[in-house]
Amino acid sequence: MSAISTFITIVLVLFLLFLVIGGVGLYFAVKLGKAATKKARAATTRIATHVNAMGTGEAAEAERLRVELRREVTLTRQALDHAARQGWSLGDLPVLVREVGEHADVLDGQLALYAQQRRASGFIDHVTLERLRAHHIKLATTCAKIRADLLDDHIGHSGSGIDDLRGRADLELEARRNVVRDPLDEIDDLYRRTLDHPARPPEERA
């Protein structure tokens, strides 16, 4: 093979290598861009929801229900994650919390649709809003009950640890009281107390 052919082969290999690297880089760039766009869209939606919730009327109430429901679900998930990290027995709570989250997402979409329609129309649909309120109360109450149960477990675990610590401290203190002291140590303590509080000579009477 001539030197020119070898050079061309090397150039082609490097070119293909650059193409592969560029393709991989482009793939990850597009993937990261989609993820960033999704996060930005979600953040924009949350900000718009909070802004709309500051208003008055049925549409603003629906937006406030969305904000409250998201907060309830987030707090419940955080409590469940904390309990899982501690290694506590959770039973079916992870499944229940996941189902609560799914229902909350559905209700969030329904509340958003109601708020959008209410802002665009002057017709007030009290019946639908009342049903949405009822669903919101049921989900929020479920979240509160789950968190209360997890907090009760947390307090129970902490209480057992405190009781154990108190028992070990009592045993250690009792053992220290029962230790026979060295007579030389007692003499040394008596001497130190004498130096700290010297005896006062009796006062002469006039």
N, C-alpha and C. Protein backbone atom coordinates (compact mmCIF):
# COMPACT_ATOMS: atom_id res chain seq x y z
N MET A 1 0.86 -1.19 0.00
CA MET A 1 0.00 0.00 0.00
C MET A 1 0.90 1.24 0.00
N SER A 2 0.58 2.17 -0.85
CA SER A 2 1.40 3.36 -0.97
C SER A 2 1.15 4.30 0.21
N ALA A 3 2.04 5.25 0.32
CA ALA A 3 1.92 6.21 1.42
C ALA A 3 0.66 7.05 1.28
N ILE A 4 0.27 7.35 0.04
CA ILE A 4 -0.95 8.16 -0.18
C ILE A 4 -2.17 7.39 0.27
N SER A 5 -2.24 6.09 -0.06
CA SER A 5 -3.39 5.28 0.35
C SER A 5 -3.47 5.18 1.87
N THR A 6 -2.33 5.01 2.50
CA THR A 6 -2.31 4.95 3.97
C THR A 6 -2.79 6.25 4.58
N PHE A 7 -2.34 7.35 4.00
CA PHE A 7 -2.76 8.66 4.51
C PHE A 7 -4.26 8.84 4.35
N ILE A 8 -4.80 8.45 3.18
CA ILE A 8 -6.24 8.59 2.94
C ILE A 8 -7.04 7.71 3.91
N THR A 9 -6.54 6.50 4.15
CA THR A 9 -7.22 5.60 5.08
C THR A 9 -7.28 6.20 6.48
N ILE A 10 -6.15 6.76 6.91
CA ILE A 10 -6.10 7.37 8.24
C ILE A 10 -7.07 8.54 8.33
N VAL A 11 -7.10 9.34 7.25
CA VAL A 11 -8.01 10.49 7.24
C VAL A 11 -9.46 10.03 7.31
N LEU A 12 -9.80 8.96 6.55
CA LEU A 12 -11.17 8.45 6.57
C LEU A 12 -11.55 7.89 7.94
N VAL A 13 -10.62 7.20 8.58
CA VAL A 13 -10.89 6.65 9.93
C VAL A 13 -11.12 7.78 10.92
N LEU A 14 -10.28 8.80 10.87
CA LEU A 14 -10.46 9.93 11.76
C LEU A 14 -11.77 10.66 11.50
N PHE A 15 -12.11 10.76 10.22
CA PHE A 15 -13.37 11.42 9.86
C PHE A 15 -14.56 10.64 10.41
N LEU A 16 -14.53 9.31 10.26
CA LEU A 16 -15.61 8.48 10.81
C LEU A 16 -15.67 8.58 12.32
N LEU A 17 -14.48 8.64 12.94
CA LEU A 17 -14.45 8.76 14.39
C LEU A 17 -15.07 10.07 14.85
N PHE A 18 -14.73 11.14 14.14
CA PHE A 18 -15.32 12.43 14.47
C PHE A 18 -16.83 12.42 14.27
N LEU A 19 -17.29 11.72 13.22
CA LEU A 19 -18.72 11.63 12.98
C LEU A 19 -19.43 10.91 14.12
N VAL A 20 -18.82 9.81 14.57
CA VAL A 20 -19.42 9.05 15.67
C VAL A 20 -19.48 9.89 16.94
N ILE A 21 -18.35 10.55 17.24
CA ILE A 21 -18.31 11.39 18.44
C ILE A 21 -19.32 12.54 18.35
N GLY A 22 -19.37 13.14 17.16
CA GLY A 22 -20.32 14.23 16.96
C GLY A 22 -21.76 13.76 17.09
N GLY A 23 -22.06 12.54 16.57
CA GLY A 23 -23.41 12.01 16.67
C GLY A 23 -23.81 11.74 18.11
N VAL A 24 -22.87 11.14 18.86
CA VAL A 24 -23.15 10.88 20.28
C VAL A 24 -23.35 12.20 21.04
N GLY A 25 -22.49 13.17 20.77
CA GLY A 25 -22.63 14.46 21.43
C GLY A 25 -23.94 15.14 21.09
N LEU A 26 -24.34 15.04 19.80
CA LEU A 26 -25.60 15.64 19.38
C LEU A 26 -26.78 14.96 20.07
N TYR A 27 -26.69 13.63 20.21
CA TYR A 27 -27.78 12.87 20.86
C TYR A 27 -27.97 13.33 22.30
N PHE A 28 -26.84 13.42 23.02
CA PHE A 28 -26.95 13.83 24.42
C PHE A 28 -27.36 15.29 24.54
N ALA A 29 -26.92 16.11 23.59
CA ALA A 29 -27.31 17.52 23.62
C ALA A 29 -28.82 17.66 23.42
N VAL A 30 -29.37 16.90 22.47
CA VAL A 30 -30.81 16.94 22.23
C VAL A 30 -31.57 16.41 23.44
N LYS A 31 -31.04 15.33 24.04
CA LYS A 31 -31.69 14.75 25.22
C LYS A 31 -31.70 15.72 26.38
N LEU A 32 -30.55 16.36 26.63
CA LEU A 32 -30.48 17.33 27.70
C LEU A 32 -31.36 18.54 27.41
N GLY A 33 -31.40 18.93 26.14
CA GLY A 33 -32.24 20.06 25.76
C GLY A 33 -33.71 19.76 26.00
N LYS A 34 -34.15 18.55 25.68
CA LYS A 34 -35.54 18.18 25.93
C LYS A 34 -35.84 18.17 27.42
N ALA A 35 -34.89 17.63 28.21
CA ALA A 35 -35.10 17.60 29.66
C ALA A 35 -35.18 19.01 30.23
N ALA A 36 -34.28 19.90 29.75
CA ALA A 36 -34.29 21.27 30.23
C ALA A 36 -35.58 21.99 29.82
N THR A 37 -36.03 21.72 28.59
CA THR A 37 -37.27 22.33 28.12
C THR A 37 -38.45 21.86 28.95
N LYS A 38 -38.45 20.58 29.27
CA LYS A 38 -39.53 20.03 30.08
C LYS A 38 -39.55 20.65 31.47
N LYS A 39 -38.35 20.79 32.08
CA LYS A 39 -38.28 21.40 33.40
C LYS A 39 -38.69 22.87 33.35
N ALA A 40 -38.26 23.57 32.31
CA ALA A 40 -38.62 24.98 32.18
C ALA A 40 -40.12 25.15 32.00
N ARG A 41 -40.72 24.26 31.20
CA ARG A 41 -42.16 24.33 31.00
C ARG A 41 -42.91 24.06 32.30
N ALA A 42 -42.42 23.07 33.07
CA ALA A 42 -43.07 22.76 34.35
C ALA A 42 -42.92 23.92 35.33
N ALA A 43 -41.73 24.54 35.34
CA ALA A 43 -41.52 25.68 36.24
C ALA A 43 -42.41 26.85 35.84
N THR A 44 -42.53 27.08 34.54
CA THR A 44 -43.39 28.17 34.06
C THR A 44 -44.84 27.92 34.45
N THR A 45 -45.26 26.66 34.34
CA THR A 45 -46.63 26.31 34.71
C THR A 45 -46.87 26.54 36.20
N ARG A 46 -45.90 26.13 37.03
CA ARG A 46 -46.05 26.33 38.47
C ARG A 46 -46.11 27.81 38.82
N ILE A 47 -45.25 28.61 38.19
CA ILE A 47 -45.25 30.05 38.46
C ILE A 47 -46.59 30.67 38.06
N ALA A 48 -47.09 30.28 36.87
CA ALA A 48 -48.37 30.81 36.41
C ALA A 48 -49.50 30.41 37.34
N THR A 49 -49.43 29.18 37.86
CA THR A 49 -50.47 28.72 38.79
C THR A 49 -50.45 29.56 40.06
N HIS A 50 -49.25 29.82 40.61
CA HIS A 50 -49.14 30.62 41.83
C HIS A 50 -49.64 32.05 41.60
N VAL A 51 -49.31 32.61 40.44
CA VAL A 51 -49.76 33.98 40.13
C VAL A 51 -51.27 34.02 40.00
N ASN A 52 -51.84 33.07 39.30
CA ASN A 52 -53.29 33.04 39.12
C ASN A 52 -54.02 32.77 40.43
N ALA A 53 -53.36 32.04 41.33
CA ALA A 53 -53.99 31.72 42.62
C ALA A 53 -54.12 32.94 43.51
N MET A 54 -53.40 34.02 43.19
CA MET A 54 -53.46 35.22 44.02
C MET A 54 -54.70 36.07 43.72
N GLY A 55 -55.43 35.72 42.67
CA GLY A 55 -56.58 36.50 42.29
C GLY A 55 -57.82 36.16 43.11
N THR A 56 -58.96 36.60 42.61
CA THR A 56 -60.23 36.33 43.27
C THR A 56 -61.15 35.61 42.30
N GLY A 57 -62.18 35.01 42.84
CA GLY A 57 -63.14 34.32 41.99
C GLY A 57 -62.92 32.82 41.95
N GLU A 58 -63.77 32.14 41.19
CA GLU A 58 -63.73 30.68 41.12
C GLU A 58 -62.47 30.17 40.43
N ALA A 59 -62.00 30.89 39.40
CA ALA A 59 -60.79 30.45 38.70
C ALA A 59 -59.59 30.50 39.64
N ALA A 60 -59.48 31.57 40.41
CA ALA A 60 -58.37 31.68 41.36
C ALA A 60 -58.49 30.61 42.45
N GLU A 61 -59.70 30.30 42.86
CA GLU A 61 -59.88 29.26 43.87
C GLU A 61 -59.41 27.91 43.33
N ALA A 62 -59.74 27.62 42.08
CA ALA A 62 -59.29 26.37 41.47
C ALA A 62 -57.77 26.31 41.42
N GLU A 63 -57.13 27.44 41.11
CA GLU A 63 -55.66 27.47 41.09
C GLU A 63 -55.09 27.26 42.49
N ARG A 64 -55.75 27.83 43.51
CA ARG A 64 -55.27 27.62 44.87
C ARG A 64 -55.41 26.16 45.29
N LEU A 65 -56.47 25.53 44.86
CA LEU A 65 -56.64 24.10 45.15
C LEU A 65 -55.51 23.29 44.50
N ARG A 66 -55.10 23.70 43.31
CA ARG A 66 -53.98 23.01 42.66
C ARG A 66 -52.69 23.16 43.46
N VAL A 67 -52.42 24.39 43.92
CA VAL A 67 -51.21 24.64 44.70
C VAL A 67 -51.23 23.84 46.00
N GLU A 68 -52.35 23.86 46.69
CA GLU A 68 -52.46 23.13 47.96
C GLU A 68 -52.29 21.63 47.75
N LEU A 69 -52.89 21.10 46.70
CA LEU A 69 -52.81 19.67 46.45
C LEU A 69 -51.38 19.25 46.13
N ARG A 70 -50.68 20.04 45.33
CA ARG A 70 -49.28 19.73 45.04
C ARG A 70 -48.44 19.74 46.32
N ARG A 71 -48.70 20.69 47.19
CA ARG A 71 -47.95 20.76 48.44
C ARG A 71 -48.22 19.53 49.31
N GLU A 72 -49.48 19.12 49.39
CA GLU A 72 -49.84 17.96 50.20
C GLU A 72 -49.14 16.69 49.67
N VAL A 73 -49.17 16.51 48.38
CA VAL A 73 -48.55 15.31 47.79
C VAL A 73 -47.04 15.35 47.97
N THR A 74 -46.44 16.52 47.78
CA THR A 74 -44.98 16.65 47.94
C THR A 74 -44.56 16.34 49.37
N LEU A 75 -45.27 16.88 50.35
CA LEU A 75 -44.95 16.62 51.75
C LEU A 75 -45.09 15.13 52.09
N THR A 76 -46.12 14.51 51.52
CA THR A 76 -46.34 13.09 51.79
C THR A 76 -45.23 12.24 51.18
N ARG A 77 -44.82 12.57 49.98
CA ARG A 77 -43.72 11.83 49.35
C ARG A 77 -42.42 12.00 50.13
N GLN A 78 -42.16 13.21 50.61
CA GLN A 78 -40.96 13.45 51.41
C GLN A 78 -40.99 12.64 52.70
N ALA A 79 -42.15 12.59 53.35
CA ALA A 79 -42.26 11.80 54.59
C ALA A 79 -42.04 10.32 54.30
N LEU A 80 -42.58 9.84 53.19
CA LEU A 80 -42.39 8.43 52.84
C LEU A 80 -40.94 8.14 52.51
N ASP A 81 -40.28 9.03 51.78
CA ASP A 81 -38.86 8.83 51.45
C ASP A 81 -38.01 8.80 52.72
N HIS A 82 -38.32 9.67 53.67
CA HIS A 82 -37.56 9.69 54.92
C HIS A 82 -37.73 8.37 55.67
N ALA A 83 -38.96 7.87 55.73
CA ALA A 83 -39.21 6.60 56.42
C ALA A 83 -38.50 5.45 55.71
N ALA A 84 -38.47 5.48 54.38
CA ALA A 84 -37.79 4.42 53.63
C ALA A 84 -36.29 4.45 53.89
N ARG A 85 -35.71 5.65 53.98
CA ARG A 85 -34.26 5.75 54.26
C ARG A 85 -33.93 5.24 55.66
N GLN A 86 -34.89 5.35 56.59
CA GLN A 86 -34.66 4.86 57.95
C GLN A 86 -34.83 3.35 58.04
N GLY A 87 -35.35 2.73 56.98
CA GLY A 87 -35.52 1.29 56.98
C GLY A 87 -36.74 0.80 57.73
N TRP A 88 -37.75 1.67 57.90
CA TRP A 88 -38.94 1.26 58.63
C TRP A 88 -39.84 0.41 57.75
N SER A 89 -40.70 -0.36 58.37
CA SER A 89 -41.66 -1.18 57.63
C SER A 89 -42.79 -0.28 57.14
N LEU A 90 -43.00 -0.25 55.83
CA LEU A 90 -43.97 0.68 55.24
C LEU A 90 -45.22 -0.02 54.72
N GLY A 91 -45.17 -1.34 54.58
CA GLY A 91 -46.34 -2.06 54.09
C GLY A 91 -46.72 -1.62 52.68
N ASP A 92 -48.00 -1.29 52.50
CA ASP A 92 -48.49 -0.86 51.18
C ASP A 92 -48.49 0.66 51.01
N LEU A 93 -47.87 1.37 51.95
CA LEU A 93 -47.88 2.83 51.85
C LEU A 93 -47.24 3.35 50.56
N PRO A 94 -46.11 2.77 50.09
CA PRO A 94 -45.56 3.27 48.82
C PRO A 94 -46.55 3.16 47.66
N VAL A 95 -47.30 2.06 47.62
CA VAL A 95 -48.30 1.89 46.55
C VAL A 95 -49.41 2.92 46.71
N LEU A 96 -49.86 3.12 47.94
CA LEU A 96 -50.93 4.08 48.18
C LEU A 96 -50.51 5.50 47.83
N VAL A 97 -49.29 5.86 48.20
CA VAL A 97 -48.80 7.21 47.88
C VAL A 97 -48.68 7.40 46.37
N ARG A 98 -48.24 6.34 45.68
CA ARG A 98 -48.15 6.44 44.23
C ARG A 98 -49.54 6.63 43.61
N GLU A 99 -50.53 5.92 44.11
CA GLU A 99 -51.89 6.06 43.59
C GLU A 99 -52.46 7.43 43.94
N VAL A 100 -52.14 7.92 45.13
CA VAL A 100 -52.58 9.27 45.48
C VAL A 100 -51.98 10.29 44.52
N GLY A 101 -50.71 10.12 44.19
CA GLY A 101 -50.07 11.02 43.23
C GLY A 101 -50.72 10.97 41.86
N GLU A 102 -51.09 9.77 41.43
CA GLU A 102 -51.75 9.63 40.12
C GLU A 102 -53.10 10.34 40.12
N HIS A 103 -53.89 10.12 41.17
CA HIS A 103 -55.19 10.80 41.26
C HIS A 103 -55.01 12.31 41.38
N ALA A 104 -53.96 12.73 42.09
CA ALA A 104 -53.71 14.17 42.22
C ALA A 104 -53.36 14.79 40.88
N ASP A 105 -52.61 14.07 40.04
CA ASP A 105 -52.29 14.59 38.71
C ASP A 105 -53.55 14.75 37.87
N VAL A 106 -54.45 13.78 37.97
CA VAL A 106 -55.71 13.87 37.23
C VAL A 106 -56.53 15.06 37.72
N LEU A 107 -56.65 15.19 39.04
CA LEU A 107 -57.42 16.31 39.59
C LEU A 107 -56.76 17.64 39.26
N ASP A 108 -55.42 17.69 39.24
CA ASP A 108 -54.73 18.92 38.89
C ASP A 108 -55.09 19.35 37.47
N GLY A 109 -55.14 18.39 36.55
CA GLY A 109 -55.53 18.71 35.19
C GLY A 109 -56.98 19.19 35.10
N GLN A 110 -57.85 18.57 35.89
CA GLN A 110 -59.25 18.99 35.88
C GLN A 110 -59.42 20.38 36.45
N LEU A 111 -58.70 20.68 37.52
CA LEU A 111 -58.76 22.03 38.09
C LEU A 111 -58.21 23.07 37.14
N ALA A 112 -57.12 22.71 36.44
CA ALA A 112 -56.54 23.64 35.47
C ALA A 112 -57.52 23.92 34.34
N LEU A 113 -58.20 22.86 33.87
CA LEU A 113 -59.18 23.04 32.79
C LEU A 113 -60.35 23.88 33.25
N TYR A 114 -60.81 23.64 34.48
CA TYR A 114 -61.92 24.44 35.01
C TYR A 114 -61.52 25.91 35.12
N ALA A 115 -60.30 26.18 35.64
CA ALA A 115 -59.85 27.56 35.79
C ALA A 115 -59.74 28.24 34.43
N GLN A 116 -59.23 27.51 33.45
CA GLN A 116 -59.09 28.09 32.11
C GLN A 116 -60.46 28.43 31.53
N GLN A 117 -61.40 27.52 31.65
CA GLN A 117 -62.74 27.76 31.11
C GLN A 117 -63.46 28.88 31.87
N ARG A 118 -63.23 28.93 33.18
CA ARG A 118 -63.89 29.96 33.98
C ARG A 118 -63.37 31.35 33.63
N ARG A 119 -62.05 31.47 33.33
CA ARG A 119 -61.52 32.77 32.93
C ARG A 119 -62.02 33.19 31.56
N ALA A 120 -62.32 32.22 30.72
CA ALA A 120 -62.76 32.54 29.36
C ALA A 120 -64.26 32.73 29.24
N SER A 121 -65.02 32.29 30.24
CA SER A 121 -66.47 32.35 30.16
C SER A 121 -67.03 32.97 31.42
N GLY A 122 -68.12 33.69 31.27
CA GLY A 122 -68.77 34.31 32.42
C GLY A 122 -69.73 33.36 33.12
N PHE A 123 -69.96 32.19 32.55
CA PHE A 123 -70.88 31.23 33.17
C PHE A 123 -70.21 30.58 34.38
N ILE A 124 -70.91 30.55 35.50
CA ILE A 124 -70.38 29.99 36.74
C ILE A 124 -70.97 28.59 36.93
N ASP A 125 -70.11 27.61 36.93
CA ASP A 125 -70.54 26.21 37.10
C ASP A 125 -70.26 25.80 38.55
N HIS A 126 -71.24 26.07 39.42
CA HIS A 126 -71.04 25.77 40.83
C HIS A 126 -70.99 24.27 41.10
N VAL A 127 -71.72 23.49 40.35
CA VAL A 127 -71.80 22.05 40.60
C VAL A 127 -70.44 21.39 40.37
N THR A 128 -69.80 21.72 39.25
CA THR A 128 -68.50 21.13 38.94
C THR A 128 -67.45 21.55 39.95
N LEU A 129 -67.47 22.83 40.33
CA LEU A 129 -66.48 23.30 41.30
C LEU A 129 -66.66 22.60 42.64
N GLU A 130 -67.91 22.37 43.03
CA GLU A 130 -68.16 21.69 44.29
C GLU A 130 -67.65 20.25 44.26
N ARG A 131 -67.81 19.59 43.14
CA ARG A 131 -67.28 18.22 43.00
C ARG A 131 -65.75 18.22 43.05
N LEU A 132 -65.14 19.20 42.41
CA LEU A 132 -63.68 19.30 42.45
C LEU A 132 -63.20 19.57 43.87
N ARG A 133 -63.93 20.41 44.61
CA ARG A 133 -63.57 20.67 46.00
C ARG A 133 -63.62 19.37 46.82
N ALA A 134 -64.68 18.59 46.61
CA ALA A 134 -64.84 17.35 47.37
C ALA A 134 -63.69 16.38 47.08
N HIS A 135 -63.31 16.27 45.81
CA HIS A 135 -62.18 15.39 45.46
C HIS A 135 -60.87 15.88 46.08
N HIS A 136 -60.72 17.19 46.08
CA HIS A 136 -59.52 17.79 46.67
C HIS A 136 -59.44 17.48 48.16
N ILE A 137 -60.56 17.62 48.86
CA ILE A 137 -60.58 17.36 50.30
C ILE A 137 -60.25 15.90 50.58
N LYS A 138 -60.78 14.98 49.79
CA LYS A 138 -60.52 13.56 50.01
C LYS A 138 -59.04 13.23 49.83
N LEU A 139 -58.42 13.77 48.77
CA LEU A 139 -57.00 13.49 48.53
C LEU A 139 -56.12 14.16 49.58
N ALA A 140 -56.44 15.41 49.92
CA ALA A 140 -55.64 16.12 50.92
C ALA A 140 -55.75 15.44 52.28
N THR A 141 -56.95 14.96 52.62
CA THR A 141 -57.14 14.27 53.89
C THR A 141 -56.37 12.95 53.91
N THR A 142 -56.37 12.25 52.79
CA THR A 142 -55.61 11.00 52.71
C THR A 142 -54.12 11.26 52.91
N CYS A 143 -53.61 12.31 52.29
CA CYS A 143 -52.20 12.66 52.47
C CYS A 143 -51.90 12.97 53.93
N ALA A 144 -52.78 13.74 54.56
CA ALA A 144 -52.56 14.11 55.96
C ALA A 144 -52.57 12.87 56.86
N LYS A 145 -53.46 11.92 56.59
CA LYS A 145 -53.51 10.69 57.40
C LYS A 145 -52.24 9.86 57.23
N ILE A 146 -51.75 9.77 56.02
CA ILE A 146 -50.52 9.01 55.77
C ILE A 146 -49.35 9.66 56.50
N ARG A 147 -49.23 10.98 56.41
CA ARG A 147 -48.14 11.67 57.10
C ARG A 147 -48.26 11.52 58.61
N ALA A 148 -49.49 11.57 59.14
CA ALA A 148 -49.68 11.41 60.58
C ALA A 148 -49.24 10.01 61.03
N ASP A 149 -49.55 9.00 60.23
CA ASP A 149 -49.12 7.65 60.58
C ASP A 149 -47.60 7.52 60.55
N LEU A 150 -46.97 8.10 59.53
CA LEU A 150 -45.52 8.05 59.45
C LEU A 150 -44.87 8.83 60.60
N LEU A 151 -45.45 9.96 60.97
CA LEU A 151 -44.91 10.73 62.09
C LEU A 151 -45.06 9.96 63.39
N ASP A 152 -46.18 9.25 63.55
CA ASP A 152 -46.38 8.43 64.74
C ASP A 152 -45.31 7.34 64.84
N ASP A 153 -45.00 6.71 63.69
CA ASP A 153 -43.92 5.72 63.67
C ASP A 153 -42.59 6.36 64.04
N HIS A 154 -42.35 7.55 63.51
CA HIS A 154 -41.10 8.26 63.79
C HIS A 154 -40.96 8.52 65.29
N ILE A 155 -42.04 9.01 65.90
CA ILE A 155 -42.00 9.29 67.34
C ILE A 155 -41.82 8.00 68.13
N GLY A 156 -42.45 6.91 67.67
CA GLY A 156 -42.30 5.64 68.36
C GLY A 156 -40.87 5.13 68.32
N HIS A 157 -40.24 5.22 67.15
CA HIS A 157 -38.85 4.79 67.04
C HIS A 157 -37.94 5.66 67.91
N SER A 158 -38.17 6.97 67.88
CA SER A 158 -37.34 7.86 68.69
C SER A 158 -37.56 7.59 70.18
N GLY A 159 -38.82 7.34 70.56
CA GLY A 159 -39.12 7.07 71.96
C GLY A 159 -38.44 5.82 72.48
N SER A 160 -38.43 4.77 71.66
CA SER A 160 -37.75 3.54 72.08
C SER A 160 -36.25 3.78 72.25
N GLY A 161 -35.67 4.59 71.37
CA GLY A 161 -34.25 4.91 71.50
C GLY A 161 -33.96 5.72 72.75
N ILE A 162 -34.86 6.66 73.07
CA ILE A 162 -34.68 7.47 74.27
C ILE A 162 -34.81 6.61 75.52
N ASP A 163 -35.79 5.69 75.54
CA ASP A 163 -35.95 4.80 76.69
C ASP A 163 -34.71 3.93 76.88
N ASP A 164 -34.18 3.43 75.78
CA ASP A 164 -32.97 2.61 75.88
C ASP A 164 -31.80 3.42 76.42
N LEU A 165 -31.66 4.65 75.93
CA LEU A 165 -30.58 5.51 76.39
C LEU A 165 -30.73 5.82 77.88
N ARG A 166 -31.93 6.09 78.32
CA ARG A 166 -32.16 6.39 79.73
C ARG A 166 -31.83 5.18 80.61
N GLY A 167 -32.23 3.99 80.16
CA GLY A 167 -31.94 2.79 80.93
C GLY A 167 -30.44 2.54 81.06
N ARG A 168 -29.71 2.72 79.95
CA ARG A 168 -28.26 2.51 80.01
C ARG A 168 -27.58 3.57 80.88
N ALA A 169 -28.09 4.81 80.82
CA ALA A 169 -27.51 5.87 81.67
C ALA A 169 -27.76 5.57 83.15
N ASP A 170 -28.96 5.09 83.49
CA ASP A 170 -29.25 4.74 84.89
C ASP A 170 -28.34 3.62 85.38
N LEU A 171 -28.13 2.62 84.53
CA LEU A 171 -27.25 1.52 84.91
C LEU A 171 -25.82 2.00 85.13
N GLU A 172 -25.35 2.87 84.25
CA GLU A 172 -23.99 3.37 84.37
C GLU A 172 -23.82 4.22 85.63
N LEU A 173 -24.80 5.07 85.92
CA LEU A 173 -24.71 5.91 87.11
C LEU A 173 -24.79 5.07 88.38
N GLU A 174 -25.64 4.05 88.37
CA GLU A 174 -25.73 3.17 89.53
C GLU A 174 -24.42 2.42 89.76
N ALA A 175 -23.81 1.98 88.64
CA ALA A 175 -22.54 1.29 88.75
C ALA A 175 -21.45 2.20 89.31
N ARG A 176 -21.49 3.47 88.88
CA ARG A 176 -20.49 4.40 89.38
C ARG A 176 -20.68 4.69 90.86
N ARG A 177 -21.91 4.72 91.34
CA ARG A 177 -22.15 4.95 92.77
C ARG A 177 -21.69 3.77 93.62
N ASN A 178 -21.74 2.57 93.06
CA ASN A 178 -21.37 1.38 93.81
C ASN A 178 -19.89 1.08 93.79
N VAL A 179 -19.11 1.84 93.06
CA VAL A 179 -17.67 1.60 93.01
C VAL A 179 -17.03 2.03 94.33
N VAL A 180 -16.20 1.15 94.93
CA VAL A 180 -15.52 1.47 96.19
C VAL A 180 -14.37 2.43 95.89
N ARG A 181 -14.40 3.56 96.53
CA ARG A 181 -13.38 4.57 96.27
C ARG A 181 -12.12 4.25 97.06
N ASP A 182 -11.00 4.65 96.50
CA ASP A 182 -9.70 4.49 97.15
C ASP A 182 -9.62 5.45 98.35
N PRO A 183 -9.22 4.95 99.56
CA PRO A 183 -9.13 5.86 100.72
C PRO A 183 -8.21 7.05 100.49
N LEU A 184 -7.16 6.86 99.71
CA LEU A 184 -6.27 7.98 99.42
C LEU A 184 -6.99 9.07 98.63
N ASP A 185 -7.90 8.65 97.71
CA ASP A 185 -8.68 9.63 96.95
C ASP A 185 -9.60 10.41 97.88
N GLU A 186 -10.19 9.71 98.86
CA GLU A 186 -11.07 10.40 99.79
C GLU A 186 -10.28 11.41 100.64
N ILE A 187 -9.08 11.01 101.07
CA ILE A 187 -8.24 11.93 101.85
C ILE A 187 -7.87 13.15 101.01
N ASP A 188 -7.56 12.90 99.73
CA ASP A 188 -7.19 14.00 98.84
C ASP A 188 -8.37 14.94 98.64
N ASP A 189 -9.58 14.42 98.48
CA ASP A 189 -10.76 15.27 98.33
C ASP A 189 -11.00 16.09 99.58
N LEU A 190 -10.81 15.47 100.76
CA LEU A 190 -11.01 16.19 102.01
C LEU A 190 -9.99 17.32 102.14
N TYR A 191 -8.76 17.06 101.73
CA TYR A 191 -7.72 18.08 101.80
C TYR A 191 -8.05 19.25 100.87
N ARG A 192 -8.53 18.92 99.67
CA ARG A 192 -8.88 19.99 98.71
C ARG A 192 -10.03 20.83 99.24
N ARG A 193 -11.03 20.20 99.83
CA ARG A 193 -12.15 20.97 100.38
C ARG A 193 -11.68 21.87 101.52
N THR A 194 -10.70 21.37 102.29
CA THR A 194 -10.17 22.18 103.38
C THR A 194 -9.45 23.42 102.84
N LEU A 195 -8.71 23.25 101.74
CA LEU A 195 -8.02 24.40 101.14
C LEU A 195 -9.02 25.38 100.53
N ASP A 196 -10.08 24.86 99.94
CA ASP A 196 -11.08 25.74 99.31
C ASP A 196 -11.90 26.47 100.36
N HIS A 197 -12.18 25.83 101.48
CA HIS A 197 -13.02 26.45 102.52
C HIS A 197 -12.30 26.31 103.87
N PRO A 198 -11.27 27.10 104.10
CA PRO A 198 -10.53 27.00 105.37
C PRO A 198 -11.41 27.34 106.56
N ALA A 199 -11.12 26.68 107.68
CA ALA A 199 -11.90 26.93 108.89
C ALA A 199 -11.59 28.31 109.44
N ARG A 200 -12.61 29.04 109.85
CA ARG A 200 -12.43 30.39 110.39
C ARG A 200 -12.18 30.30 111.88
N PRO A 201 -11.17 31.03 112.38
CA PRO A 201 -10.88 31.01 113.84
C PRO A 201 -12.03 31.63 114.62
N PRO A 202 -12.25 31.12 115.82
CA PRO A 202 -13.36 31.69 116.63
C PRO A 202 -13.08 33.14 116.99
N GLU A 203 -14.11 33.96 116.94
CA GLU A 203 -13.98 35.38 117.25
C GLU A 203 -13.90 35.56 118.75
N GLU A 204 -13.00 36.49 119.16
CA GLU A 204 -12.84 36.79 120.59
C GLU A 204 -13.99 37.67 121.05
N ARG A 205 -14.49 37.34 122.19
CA ARG A 205 -15.55 38.13 122.76
C ARG A 205 -14.99 39.33 123.54
N ALA A 206 -15.62 40.43 123.44
CA ALA A 206 -15.16 41.63 124.11
C ALA A 206 -15.38 41.51 125.62
